[in-house]
Structures are given as C-alpha cells and as structure tokens.
C-alpha cells in the first residue's frame, strides 16, 4: 500500500493530468511515469470525487397529496 505522502503526490499528478488537456498516454510520456500507474490514480481520483459529488446531489422533496395530484393521474388514463 502506498504511503500517505505518495498518495497525495499521485492525486496532484492526476489532477494535473485532468487540467492538461492531453491524452493519458501523452501526459505519462511527458512526465516519465508508467501509463498504467497514471490510469490507476486518475481512476481513483475520479471515483473519490464522484462519491463526494453524490452526497451533494441529495435534495429535500415535498410530496403533494390531495385532489390536484390524483386528478392529474386520472386524466391520463
């Protein structure tokens, strides 16, 4: 397992890749890192960010009850 410092460094590399506009192959070649290693860290970073974004997407809702809600359903049948 990687050390915390290495993890932080790789997340910065993955972030730099995302901002670069290059392909993963081009970026890895320019930085002198293995393509598979870059791909792994980009995947981890994206997975982490998607989990964080999911928590933000939850919104409160109100359920309408009464004649207006049932009337709309009956008119479609």
Protein backbone atom coordinates (compact mmCIF):
# COMPACT_ATOMS: atom_id res chain seq x y z
CA UNK A 1 0.00 0.00 0.00
CA UNK A 2 1.27 3.47 -0.79
CA UNK A 3 2.40 5.92 1.85
CA UNK A 4 0.13 8.93 2.53
CA UNK A 5 2.67 11.32 1.03
CA UNK A 6 2.82 9.27 -2.16
CA UNK A 7 -0.97 9.19 -2.31
CA UNK A 8 -1.16 12.99 -2.06
CA UNK A 9 1.52 13.37 -4.72
CA UNK A 10 -0.27 11.00 -7.10
CA UNK A 11 -3.57 12.80 -6.59
CA UNK A 12 -1.80 16.03 -7.58
CA UNK A 13 -0.38 14.30 -10.67
CA UNK A 14 -3.86 13.00 -11.58
CA UNK A 15 -5.28 16.49 -11.07
CA UNK A 16 -2.56 17.95 -13.30
CA UNK A 17 -3.45 15.39 -15.96
CA UNK A 18 -7.15 16.37 -15.81
CA UNK A 19 -6.22 20.03 -16.32
CA UNK A 20 -3.65 19.34 -19.06
CA UNK A 21 -5.94 18.55 -21.97
CA UNK A 22 -3.53 15.79 -23.03
CA UNK A 23 -4.29 12.14 -23.51
CA UNK A 24 -3.18 9.84 -20.71
CA UNK A 25 -0.50 8.39 -22.98
CA UNK A 26 0.89 11.84 -23.87
CA UNK A 27 0.84 13.02 -20.27
CA UNK A 28 2.54 9.87 -18.96
CA UNK A 29 5.22 10.13 -21.61
CA UNK A 30 5.92 13.79 -20.82
CA UNK A 31 6.07 13.15 -17.07
CA UNK A 32 8.09 9.95 -17.37
CA UNK A 33 5.57 7.82 -15.47
CA UNK A 34 4.05 4.48 -16.40
CA UNK A 35 0.76 4.79 -18.25
CA UNK A 36 -0.86 2.10 -16.11
CA UNK A 37 0.11 3.91 -12.91
CA UNK A 38 -1.34 7.18 -14.17
CA UNK A 39 -4.53 5.41 -15.26
CA UNK A 40 -4.89 3.84 -11.82
CA UNK A 41 -4.54 7.15 -9.98
CA UNK A 42 -6.82 9.02 -12.38
CA UNK A 43 -9.44 6.33 -11.80
CA UNK A 44 -9.05 6.58 -8.01
CA UNK A 45 -9.32 10.37 -8.09
CA UNK A 46 -12.43 10.29 -10.28
CA UNK A 47 -14.04 7.64 -8.08
CA UNK A 48 -13.35 9.69 -4.95
CA UNK A 49 -14.77 12.86 -6.50
CA UNK A 50 -17.88 11.10 -7.78
CA UNK A 51 -18.60 9.82 -4.26
CA UNK A 52 -18.26 13.33 -2.86
CA UNK A 53 -20.49 14.77 -5.57
CA UNK A 54 -23.21 12.19 -4.92
CA UNK A 55 -23.65 13.43 -1.36
CA UNK A 56 -24.19 16.98 -2.61
CA UNK A 57 -26.90 15.97 -5.09
CA UNK A 58 -29.45 14.98 -2.45
CA UNK A 59 -32.29 17.49 -2.13
CA UNK A 60 -35.35 17.60 0.11
CA UNK A 61 -38.68 16.97 -1.60
CA UNK A 62 -42.32 17.53 -0.75
CA UNK A 63 -44.93 15.02 -1.80
CA UNK A 64 -48.17 16.66 -2.87
CA UNK A 65 -51.33 14.90 -1.78
CA UNK A 66 -54.91 15.73 -2.49
CA UNK A 67 -57.25 16.20 -5.45
CA UNK A 68 -54.73 18.02 -7.66
CA UNK A 69 -52.26 15.13 -7.55
CA UNK A 70 -54.85 12.39 -8.11
CA UNK A 71 -56.77 14.40 -10.72
CA UNK A 72 -53.71 14.66 -12.95
CA UNK A 73 -53.23 10.90 -12.83
CA UNK A 74 -56.87 10.13 -13.63
CA UNK A 75 -56.96 12.42 -16.68
CA UNK A 76 -54.12 10.48 -18.33
CA UNK A 77 -55.89 7.12 -18.20
